[in-house]
Amino acid sequence: MVALEKMVESSFWKVRAYRNPFFEKGIEVAGESAISIDLAERVPRIDGSGQVIRVWLKDEADNRIGDSPVPVTPNGEIHFDDDQIKVAASSRR
């Protein structure tokens, strides 16, 4: 599990989550559901030399904003607390 946590925490991911009905022996179980989480489009946070990856902020016309690139930051975060999955705006912004 530690290796999975390191892999997930070391990158940004496009995440899709699905809540589906849960079936047991072909019969839907009322009040139960199955969660499927798809982690796709991995974007590293750290480069090969251990430095935080930086990007230019851009406006709607794709022009650079600011004097220098800034560290990439996530839009949101997923937290696993016991048996709950929580999605929240990023605390790193």
PDB file of N, CA and C in Angstrom:
ATOM      1  N   MET A   1       0.824  -1.199   0.000  1.00  0.00           N
ATOM      2  CA  MET A   1       0.000   0.000   0.000  1.00  0.00           C
ATOM      3  C   MET A   1       0.865   1.259   0.000  1.00  0.00           C
ATOM      4  N   VAL A   2       2.032   1.217   0.630  1.00  0.00           N
ATOM      5  CA  VAL A   2       2.918   2.378   0.701  1.00  0.00           C
ATOM      6  C   VAL A   2       3.359   2.787  -0.702  1.00  0.00           C
ATOM      7  N   ALA A   3       3.698   1.816  -1.546  1.00  0.00           N
ATOM      8  CA  ALA A   3       4.125   2.122  -2.910  1.00  0.00           C
ATOM      9  C   ALA A   3       3.006   2.804  -3.689  1.00  0.00           C
ATOM     10  N   LEU A   4       1.775   2.349  -3.516  1.00  0.00           N
ATOM     11  CA  LEU A   4       0.633   2.970  -4.188  1.00  0.00           C
ATOM     12  C   LEU A   4       0.451   4.404  -3.710  1.00  0.00           C
ATOM     13  N   GLU A   5       0.551   4.631  -2.413  1.00  0.00           N
ATOM     14  CA  GLU A   5       0.409   5.982  -1.873  1.00  0.00           C
ATOM     15  C   GLU A   5       1.473   6.908  -2.439  1.00  0.00           C
ATOM     16  N   LYS A   6       2.723   6.446  -2.512  1.00  0.00           N
ATOM     17  CA  LYS A   6       3.803   7.271  -3.058  1.00  0.00           C
ATOM     18  C   LYS A   6       3.546   7.606  -4.524  1.00  0.00           C
ATOM     19  N   MET A   7       3.092   6.620  -5.306  1.00  0.00           N
ATOM     20  CA  MET A   7       2.816   6.851  -6.714  1.00  0.00           C
ATOM     21  C   MET A   7       1.701   7.894  -6.891  1.00  0.00           C
ATOM     22  N   VAL A   8       0.644   7.751  -6.110  1.00  0.00           N
ATOM     23  CA  VAL A   8      -0.488   8.672  -6.224  1.00  0.00           C
ATOM     24  C   VAL A   8      -0.105  10.073  -5.763  1.00  0.00           C
ATOM     25  N   GLU A   9       0.651  10.180  -4.682  1.00  0.00           N
ATOM     26  CA  GLU A   9       1.011  11.482  -4.132  1.00  0.00           C
ATOM     27  C   GLU A   9       2.090  12.205  -4.929  1.00  0.00           C
ATOM     28  N   SER A  10       2.849  11.498  -5.751  1.00  0.00           N
ATOM     29  CA  SER A  10       3.953  12.122  -6.470  1.00  0.00           C
ATOM     30  C   SER A  10       3.535  12.772  -7.781  1.00  0.00           C
ATOM     31  N   SER A  11       2.266  12.673  -8.114  1.00  0.00           N
ATOM     32  CA  SER A  11       1.796  13.196  -9.403  1.00  0.00           C
ATOM     33  C   SER A  11       0.411  13.800  -9.260  1.00  0.00           C
ATOM     34  N   PHE A  12       0.026  14.527 -10.299  1.00  0.00           N
ATOM     35  CA  PHE A  12      -1.354  14.980 -10.431  1.00  0.00           C
ATOM     36  C   PHE A  12      -2.036  13.999 -11.368  1.00  0.00           C
ATOM     37  N   TRP A  13      -3.313  13.793 -11.162  1.00  0.00           N
ATOM     38  CA  TRP A  13      -4.053  12.834 -11.965  1.00  0.00           C
ATOM     39  C   TRP A  13      -5.388  13.436 -12.386  1.00  0.00           C
ATOM     40  N   LYS A  14      -5.821  13.086 -13.569  1.00  0.00           N
ATOM     41  CA  LYS A  14      -7.200  13.350 -13.951  1.00  0.00           C
ATOM     42  C   LYS A  14      -7.985  12.198 -13.335  1.00  0.00           C
ATOM     43  N   VAL A  15      -8.947  12.499 -12.489  1.00  0.00           N
ATOM     44  CA  VAL A  15      -9.666  11.472 -11.736  1.00  0.00           C
ATOM     45  C   VAL A  15     -11.125  11.441 -12.159  1.00  0.00           C
ATOM     46  N   ARG A  16     -11.600  10.232 -12.368  1.00  0.00           N
ATOM     47  CA  ARG A  16     -13.028  10.015 -12.614  1.00  0.00           C
ATOM     48  C   ARG A  16     -13.492   8.978 -11.609  1.00  0.00           C
ATOM     49  N   ALA A  17     -14.606   9.261 -10.960  1.00  0.00           N
ATOM     50  CA  ALA A  17     -15.155   8.313  -9.990  1.00  0.00           C
ATOM     51  C   ALA A  17     -16.588   7.967 -10.392  1.00  0.00           C
ATOM     52  N   TYR A  18     -16.923   6.709 -10.240  1.00  0.00           N
ATOM     53  CA  TYR A  18     -18.249   6.222 -10.607  1.00  0.00           C
ATOM     54  C   TYR A  18     -18.853   5.485  -9.419  1.00  0.00           C
ATOM     55  N   ARG A  19     -20.108   5.758  -9.171  1.00  0.00           N
ATOM     56  CA  ARG A  19     -20.866   5.039  -8.136  1.00  0.00           C
ATOM     57  C   ARG A  19     -21.871   4.157  -8.861  1.00  0.00           C
ATOM     58  N   ASN A  20     -21.701   2.867  -8.734  1.00  0.00           N
ATOM     59  CA  ASN A  20     -22.520   1.902  -9.459  1.00  0.00           C
ATOM     60  C   ASN A  20     -23.321   1.045  -8.493  1.00  0.00           C
ATOM     61  N   PRO A  21     -24.451   0.497  -8.968  1.00  0.00           N
ATOM     62  CA  PRO A  21     -25.207  -0.427  -8.114  1.00  0.00           C
ATOM     63  C   PRO A  21     -24.340  -1.637  -7.761  1.00  0.00           C
ATOM     64  N   PHE A  22     -24.551  -2.191  -6.587  1.00  0.00           N
ATOM     65  CA  PHE A  22     -23.814  -3.376  -6.159  1.00  0.00           C
ATOM     66  C   PHE A  22     -24.707  -4.594  -6.320  1.00  0.00           C
ATOM     67  N   PHE A  23     -24.158  -5.637  -6.937  1.00  0.00           N
ATOM     68  CA  PHE A  23     -24.906  -6.868  -7.172  1.00  0.00           C
ATOM     69  C   PHE A  23     -24.242  -8.025  -6.437  1.00  0.00           C
ATOM     70  N   GLU A  24     -25.045  -8.889  -5.862  1.00  0.00           N
ATOM     71  CA  GLU A  24     -24.551 -10.104  -5.233  1.00  0.00           C
ATOM     72  C   GLU A  24     -25.328 -11.277  -5.812  1.00  0.00           C
ATOM     73  N   LYS A  25     -24.602 -12.194  -6.442  1.00  0.00           N
ATOM     74  CA  LYS A  25     -25.205 -13.348  -7.112  1.00  0.00           C
ATOM     75  C   LYS A  25     -26.255 -12.911  -8.129  1.00  0.00           C
ATOM     76  N   GLY A  26     -25.945 -11.801  -8.844  1.00  0.00           N
ATOM     77  CA  GLY A  26     -26.825 -11.317  -9.903  1.00  0.00           C
ATOM     78  C   GLY A  26     -28.017 -10.496  -9.444  1.00  0.00           C
ATOM     79  N   ILE A  27     -28.118 -10.260  -8.145  1.00  0.00           N
ATOM     80  CA  ILE A  27     -29.252  -9.486  -7.611  1.00  0.00           C
ATOM     81  C   ILE A  27     -28.717  -8.198  -7.001  1.00  0.00           C
ATOM     82  N   GLU A  28     -29.352  -7.064  -7.378  1.00  0.00           N
ATOM     83  CA  GLU A  28     -28.922  -5.774  -6.832  1.00  0.00           C
ATOM     84  C   GLU A  28     -29.213  -5.719  -5.342  1.00  0.00           C
ATOM     85  N   VAL A  29     -28.224  -5.270  -4.565  1.00  0.00           N
ATOM     86  CA  VAL A  29     -28.369  -5.146  -3.117  1.00  0.00           C
ATOM     87  C   VAL A  29     -28.806  -3.719  -2.815  1.00  0.00           C
ATOM     88  N   ALA A  30     -30.016  -3.558  -2.298  1.00  0.00           N
ATOM     89  CA  ALA A  30     -30.571  -2.240  -1.998  1.00  0.00           C
ATOM     90  C   ALA A  30     -29.700  -1.507  -0.978  1.00  0.00           C
ATOM     91  N   GLY A  31     -29.441  -0.238  -1.238  1.00  0.00           N
ATOM     92  CA  GLY A  31     -28.689   0.593  -0.306  1.00  0.00           C
ATOM     93  C   GLY A  31     -27.181   0.412  -0.379  1.00  0.00           C
ATOM     94  N   GLU A  32     -26.700  -0.464  -1.249  1.00  0.00           N
ATOM     95  CA  GLU A  32     -25.264  -0.689  -1.397  1.00  0.00           C
ATOM     96  C   GLU A  32     -24.818  -0.242  -2.783  1.00  0.00           C
ATOM     97  N   SER A  33     -23.575   0.199  -2.884  1.00  0.00           N
ATOM     98  CA  SER A  33     -23.050   0.594  -4.188  1.00  0.00           C
ATOM     99  C   SER A  33     -21.570   0.243  -4.263  1.00  0.00           C
ATOM    100  N   ALA A  34     -21.075   0.181  -5.488  1.00  0.00           N
ATOM    101  CA  ALA A  34     -19.662  -0.083  -5.735  1.00  0.00           C
ATOM    102  C   ALA A  34     -19.044   1.182  -6.312  1.00  0.00           C
ATOM    103  N   ILE A  35     -17.886   1.560  -5.806  1.00  0.00           N
ATOM    104  CA  ILE A  35     -17.204   2.756  -6.273  1.00  0.00           C
ATOM    105  C   ILE A  35     -16.037   2.333  -7.169  1.00  0.00           C
ATOM    106  N   SER A  36     -15.950   2.957  -8.318  1.00  0.00           N
ATOM    107  CA  SER A  36     -14.832   2.735  -9.227  1.00  0.00           C
ATOM    108  C   SER A  36     -14.118   4.068  -9.402  1.00  0.00           C
ATOM    109  N   ILE A  37     -12.810   4.086  -9.140  1.00  0.00           N
ATOM    110  CA  ILE A  37     -12.016   5.312  -9.278  1.00  0.00           C
ATOM    111  C   ILE A  37     -10.990   5.097 -10.369  1.00  0.00           C
ATOM    112  N   ASP A  38     -11.026   5.942 -11.380  1.00  0.00           N
ATOM    113  CA  ASP A  38     -10.128   5.848 -12.531  1.00  0.00           C
ATOM    114  C   ASP A  38      -9.112   6.984 -12.453  1.00  0.00           C
ATOM    115  N   LEU A  39      -7.836   6.639 -12.262  1.00  0.00           N
ATOM    116  CA  LEU A  39      -6.761   7.625 -12.272  1.00  0.00           C
ATOM    117  C   LEU A  39      -6.143   7.608 -13.656  1.00  0.00           C
ATOM    118  N   ALA A  40      -6.223   8.730 -14.368  1.00  0.00           N
ATOM    119  CA  ALA A  40      -5.730   8.789 -15.741  1.00  0.00           C
ATOM    120  C   ALA A  40      -4.926  10.062 -15.942  1.00  0.00           C
ATOM    121  N   GLU A  41      -4.216  10.119 -17.041  1.00  0.00           N
ATOM    122  CA  GLU A  41      -3.455  11.307 -17.427  1.00  0.00           C
ATOM    123  C   GLU A  41      -2.548  11.807 -16.313  1.00  0.00           C
ATOM    124  N   ARG A  42      -1.582  11.000 -15.945  1.00  0.00           N
ATOM    125  CA  ARG A  42      -0.621  11.332 -14.885  1.00  0.00           C
ATOM    126  C   ARG A  42       0.262  12.504 -15.306  1.00  0.00           C
ATOM    127  N   VAL A  43       0.402  13.480 -14.409  1.00  0.00           N
ATOM    128  CA  VAL A  43       1.299  14.623 -14.615  1.00  0.00           C
ATOM    129  C   VAL A  43       2.209  14.700 -13.386  1.00  0.00           C
ATOM    130  N   PRO A  44       3.518  14.467 -13.555  1.00  0.00           N
ATOM    131  CA  PRO A  44       4.426  14.481 -12.401  1.00  0.00           C
ATOM    132  C   PRO A  44       4.468  15.854 -11.718  1.00  0.00           C
ATOM    133  N   ARG A  45       4.657  15.847 -10.392  1.00  0.00           N
ATOM    134  CA  ARG A  45       4.837  17.086  -9.629  1.00  0.00           C
ATOM    135  C   ARG A  45       6.313  17.408  -9.456  1.00  0.00           C
ATOM    136  N   ILE A  46       7.156  16.380  -9.551  1.00  0.00           N
ATOM    137  CA  ILE A  46       8.594  16.514  -9.308  1.00  0.00           C
ATOM    138  C   ILE A  46       9.337  16.021 -10.556  1.00  0.00           C
ATOM    139  N   ASP A  47      10.378  16.760 -10.965  1.00  0.00           N
ATOM    140  CA  ASP A  47      11.141  16.320 -12.141  1.00  0.00           C
ATOM    141  C   ASP A  47      12.210  15.293 -11.732  1.00  0.00           C
ATOM    142  N   GLY A  48      12.962  14.809 -12.708  1.00  0.00           N
ATOM    143  CA  GLY A  48      13.951  13.775 -12.472  1.00  0.00           C
ATOM    144  C   GLY A  48      15.053  14.151 -11.503  1.00  0.00           C
ATOM    145  N   SER A  49      15.297  15.447 -11.310  1.00  0.00           N
ATOM    146  CA  SER A  49      16.340  15.874 -10.374  1.00  0.00           C
ATOM    147  C   SER A  49      15.781  16.213  -8.995  1.00  0.00           C
ATOM    148  N   GLY A  50      14.485  15.936  -8.785  1.00  0.00           N
ATOM    149  CA  GLY A  50      13.879  16.175  -7.477  1.00  0.00           C
ATOM    150  C   GLY A  50      13.312  17.567  -7.279  1.00  0.00           C
ATOM    151  N   GLN A  51      13.294  18.370  -8.344  1.00  0.00           N
ATOM    152  CA  GLN A  51      12.773  19.744  -8.249  1.00  0.00           C
ATOM    153  C   GLN A  51      11.282  19.779  -8.567  1.00  0.00           C
ATOM    154  N   VAL A  52      10.551  20.664  -7.895  1.00  0.00           N
ATOM    155  CA  VAL A  52       9.129  20.847  -8.182  1.00  0.00           C
ATOM    156  C   VAL A  52       8.980  21.403  -9.596  1.00  0.00           C
ATOM    157  N   ILE A  53       8.081  20.817 -10.362  1.00  0.00           N
ATOM    158  CA  ILE A  53       7.852  21.285 -11.727  1.00  0.00           C
ATOM    159  C   ILE A  53       7.110  22.618 -11.684  1.00  0.00           C
ATOM    160  N   ARG A  54       7.563  23.547 -12.507  1.00  0.00           N
ATOM    161  CA  ARG A  54       6.964  24.885 -12.581  1.00  0.00           C
ATOM    162  C   ARG A  54       6.400  25.119 -13.972  1.00  0.00           C
ATOM    163  N   VAL A  55       5.310  25.888 -14.036  1.00  0.00           N
ATOM    164  CA  VAL A  55       4.673  26.211 -15.311  1.00  0.00           C
ATOM    165  C   VAL A  55       4.296  27.689 -15.319  1.00  0.00           C
ATOM    166  N   TRP A  56       4.177  28.230 -16.502  1.00  0.00           N
ATOM    167  CA  TRP A  56       3.704  29.611 -16.631  1.00  0.00           C
ATOM    168  C   TRP A  56       2.188  29.635 -16.478  1.00  0.00           C
ATOM    169  N   LEU A  57       1.671  30.597 -15.720  1.00  0.00           N
ATOM    170  CA  LEU A  57       0.237  30.865 -15.722  1.00  0.00           C
ATOM    171  C   LEU A  57      -0.072  31.560 -17.030  1.00  0.00           C
ATOM    172  N   LYS A  58      -1.244  31.282 -17.598  1.00  0.00           N
ATOM    173  CA  LYS A  58      -1.600  31.889 -18.880  1.00  0.00           C
ATOM    174  C   LYS A  58      -3.017  32.428 -18.848  1.00  0.00           C
ATOM    175  N   ASP A  59      -3.246  33.473 -19.652  1.00  0.00           N
ATOM    176  CA  ASP A  59      -4.589  34.043 -19.758  1.00  0.00           C
ATOM    177  C   ASP A  59      -5.371  33.311 -20.847  1.00  0.00           C
ATOM    178  N   GLU A  60      -6.580  33.803 -21.129  1.00  0.00           N
ATOM    179  CA  GLU A  60      -7.461  33.159 -22.110  1.00  0.00           C
ATOM    180  C   GLU A  60      -6.858  33.135 -23.516  1.00  0.00           C
ATOM    181  N   ALA A  61      -5.973  34.075 -23.816  1.00  0.00           N
ATOM    182  CA  ALA A  61      -5.341  34.151 -25.138  1.00  0.00           C
ATOM    183  C   ALA A  61      -4.018  33.387 -25.175  1.00  0.00           C
ATOM    184  N   ASP A  62      -3.739  32.615 -24.124  1.00  0.00           N
ATOM    185  CA  ASP A  62      -2.524  31.804 -24.019  1.00  0.00           C
ATOM    186  C   ASP A  62      -1.255  32.645 -23.844  1.00  0.00           C
ATOM    187  N   ASN A  63      -1.397  33.876 -23.339  1.00  0.00           N
ATOM    188  CA  ASN A  63      -0.243  34.732 -23.036  1.00  0.00           C
ATOM    189  C   ASN A  63       0.217  34.466 -21.608  1.00  0.00           C
ATOM    190  N   ARG A  64       1.523  34.486 -21.401  1.00  0.00           N
ATOM    191  CA  ARG A  64       2.073  34.276 -20.070  1.00  0.00           C
ATOM    192  C   ARG A  64       1.660  35.385 -19.115  1.00  0.00           C
ATOM    193  N   ILE A  65       1.423  34.982 -17.859  1.00  0.00           N
ATOM    194  CA  ILE A  65       1.081  35.922 -16.788  1.00  0.00           C
ATOM    195  C   ILE A  65       2.194  35.848 -15.743  1.00  0.00           C
ATOM    196  N   GLY A  66       2.635  36.993 -15.271  1.00  0.00           N
ATOM    197  CA  GLY A  66       3.641  37.019 -14.213  1.00  0.00           C
ATOM    198  C   GLY A  66       5.056  37.118 -14.737  1.00  0.00           C
ATOM    199  N   ASP A  67       6.004  37.105 -13.789  1.00  0.00           N
ATOM    200  CA  ASP A  67       7.417  37.280 -14.111  1.00  0.00           C
ATOM    201  C   ASP A  67       8.172  35.968 -14.250  1.00  0.00           C
ATOM    202  N   SER A  68       7.600  34.882 -13.732  1.00  0.00           N
ATOM    203  CA  SER A  68       8.285  33.590 -13.801  1.00  0.00           C
ATOM    204  C   SER A  68       7.277  32.457 -13.618  1.00  0.00           C
ATOM    205  N   PRO A  69       7.677  31.252 -14.004  1.00  0.00           N
ATOM    206  CA  PRO A  69       6.790  30.098 -13.795  1.00  0.00           C
ATOM    207  C   PRO A  69       6.530  29.866 -12.307  1.00  0.00           C
ATOM    208  N   VAL A  70       5.410  29.239 -12.000  1.00  0.00           N
ATOM    209  CA  VAL A  70       5.024  28.935 -10.613  1.00  0.00           C
ATOM    210  C   VAL A  70       4.886  27.422 -10.452  1.00  0.00           C
ATOM    211  N   PRO A  71       5.043  26.912  -9.230  1.00  0.00           N
ATOM    212  CA  PRO A  71       4.866  25.469  -9.016  1.00  0.00           C
ATOM    213  C   PRO A  71       3.456  25.036  -9.420  1.00  0.00           C
ATOM    214  N   VAL A  72       3.356  23.864 -10.042  1.00  0.00           N
ATOM    215  CA  VAL A  72       2.034  23.344 -10.401  1.00  0.00           C
ATOM    216  C   VAL A  72       1.290  23.002  -9.119  1.00  0.00           C
ATOM    217  N   THR A  73      -0.007  23.259  -9.109  1.00  0.00           N
ATOM    218  CA  THR A  73      -0.832  22.980  -7.932  1.00  0.00           C
ATOM    219  C   THR A  73      -2.093  22.234  -8.363  1.00  0.00           C
ATOM    220  N   PRO A  74      -2.626  21.398  -7.497  1.00  0.00           N
ATOM    221  CA  PRO A  74      -3.832  20.631  -7.837  1.00  0.00           C
ATOM    222  C   PRO A  74      -5.095  21.481  -7.745  1.00  0.00           C
ATOM    223  N   ASN A  75      -6.117  21.080  -8.486  1.00  0.00           N
ATOM    224  CA  ASN A  75      -7.432  21.722  -8.403  1.00  0.00           C
ATOM    225  C   ASN A  75      -8.227  21.182  -7.226  1.00  0.00           C
ATOM    226  N   GLY A  76      -8.016  19.928  -6.899  1.00  0.00           N
ATOM    227  CA  GLY A  76      -8.760  19.288  -5.825  1.00  0.00           C
ATOM    228  C   GLY A  76      -7.966  18.155  -5.225  1.00  0.00           C
ATOM    229  N   GLU A  77      -8.495  17.597  -4.141  1.00  0.00           N
ATOM    230  CA  GLU A  77      -7.820  16.516  -3.450  1.00  0.00           C
ATOM    231  C   GLU A  77      -8.828  15.439  -3.083  1.00  0.00           C
ATOM    232  N   ILE A  78      -8.360  14.208  -3.074  1.00  0.00           N
ATOM    233  CA  ILE A  78      -9.168  13.082  -2.619  1.00  0.00           C
ATOM    234  C   ILE A  78      -8.544  12.577  -1.327  1.00  0.00           C
ATOM    235  N   HIS A  79      -9.375  12.381  -0.316  1.00  0.00           N
ATOM    236  CA  HIS A  79      -8.903  11.872   0.968  1.00  0.00           C
ATOM    237  C   HIS A  79      -9.660  10.596   1.301  1.00  0.00           C
ATOM    238  N   PHE A  80      -8.944   9.624   1.824  1.00  0.00           N
ATOM    239  CA  PHE A  80      -9.550   8.378   2.254  1.00  0.00           C
ATOM    240  C   PHE A  80      -9.506   8.348   3.773  1.00  0.00           C
ATOM    241  N   ASP A  81     -10.675   8.426   4.409  1.00  0.00           N
ATOM    242  CA  ASP A  81     -10.775   8.391   5.866  1.00  0.00           C
ATOM    243  C   ASP A  81     -11.600   7.169   6.262  1.00  0.00           C
ATOM    244  N   ASP A  82     -10.907   6.173   6.813  1.00  0.00           N
ATOM    245  CA  ASP A  82     -11.556   4.913   7.176  1.00  0.00           C
ATOM    246  C   ASP A  82     -12.350   4.375   5.990  1.00  0.00           C
ATOM    247  N   ASP A  83     -13.669   4.385   6.079  1.00  0.00           N
ATOM    248  CA  ASP A  83     -14.487   3.828   5.000  1.00  0.00           C
ATOM    249  C   ASP A  83     -15.131   4.918   4.136  1.00  0.00           C
ATOM    250  N   GLN A  84     -14.635   6.145   4.222  1.00  0.00           N
ATOM    251  CA  GLN A  84     -15.202   7.245   3.444  1.00  0.00           C
ATOM    252  C   GLN A  84     -14.192   7.811   2.460  1.00  0.00           C
ATOM    253  N   ILE A  85     -14.698   8.229   1.305  1.00  0.00           N
ATOM    254  CA  ILE A  85     -13.890   8.928   0.307  1.00  0.00           C
ATOM    255  C   ILE A  85     -14.382  10.361   0.275  1.00  0.00           C
ATOM    256  N   LYS A  86     -13.471  11.309   0.454  1.00  0.00           N
ATOM    257  CA  LYS A  86     -13.846  12.729   0.480  1.00  0.00           C
ATOM    258  C   LYS A  86     -13.125  13.462  -0.637  1.00  0.00           C
ATOM    259  N   VAL A  87     -13.858  14.271  -1.385  1.00  0.00           N
ATOM    260  CA  VAL A  87     -13.295  15.092  -2.433  1.00  0.00           C
ATOM    261  C   VAL A  87     -13.457  16.543  -2.001  1.00  0.00           C
ATOM    262  N   ALA A  88     -12.367  17.314  -2.094  1.00  0.00           N
ATOM    263  CA  ALA A  88     -12.404  18.699  -1.640  1.00  0.00           C
ATOM    264  C   ALA A  88     -11.523  19.564  -2.527  1.00  0.00           C
ATOM    265  N   ALA A  89     -11.778  20.866  -2.477  1.00  0.00           N
ATOM    266  CA  ALA A  89     -10.885  21.806  -3.156  1.00  0.00           C
ATOM    267  C   ALA A  89      -9.504  21.668  -2.534  1.00  0.00           C
ATOM    268  N   SER A  90      -8.492  21.919  -3.311  1.00  0.00           N
ATOM    269  CA  SER A  90      -7.131  21.742  -2.831  1.00  0.00           C
ATOM    270  C   SER A  90      -6.799  22.703  -1.702  1.00  0.00           C
ATOM    271  N   SER A  91      -6.086  22.192  -0.696  1.00  0.00           N
ATOM    272  CA  SER A  91      -5.610  23.042   0.400  1.00  0.00           C
ATOM    273  C   SER A  91      -4.262  23.657   0.052  1.00  0.00           C
ATOM    274  N   ARG A  92      -3.713  23.296  -1.126  1.00  0.00           N
ATOM    275  CA  ARG A  92      -2.385  23.785  -1.538  1.00  0.00           C
ATOM    276  C   ARG A  92      -2.449  25.022  -2.389  1.00  0.00           C
ATOM    277  N   ARG A  93      -3.595  25.545  -2.684  1.00  0.00           N
ATOM    278  CA  ARG A  93      -3.722  26.715  -3.560  1.00  0.00           C
ATOM    279  C   ARG A  93      -3.479  27.974  -2.781  1.00  0.00           C
TER     280      ARG A  93
END
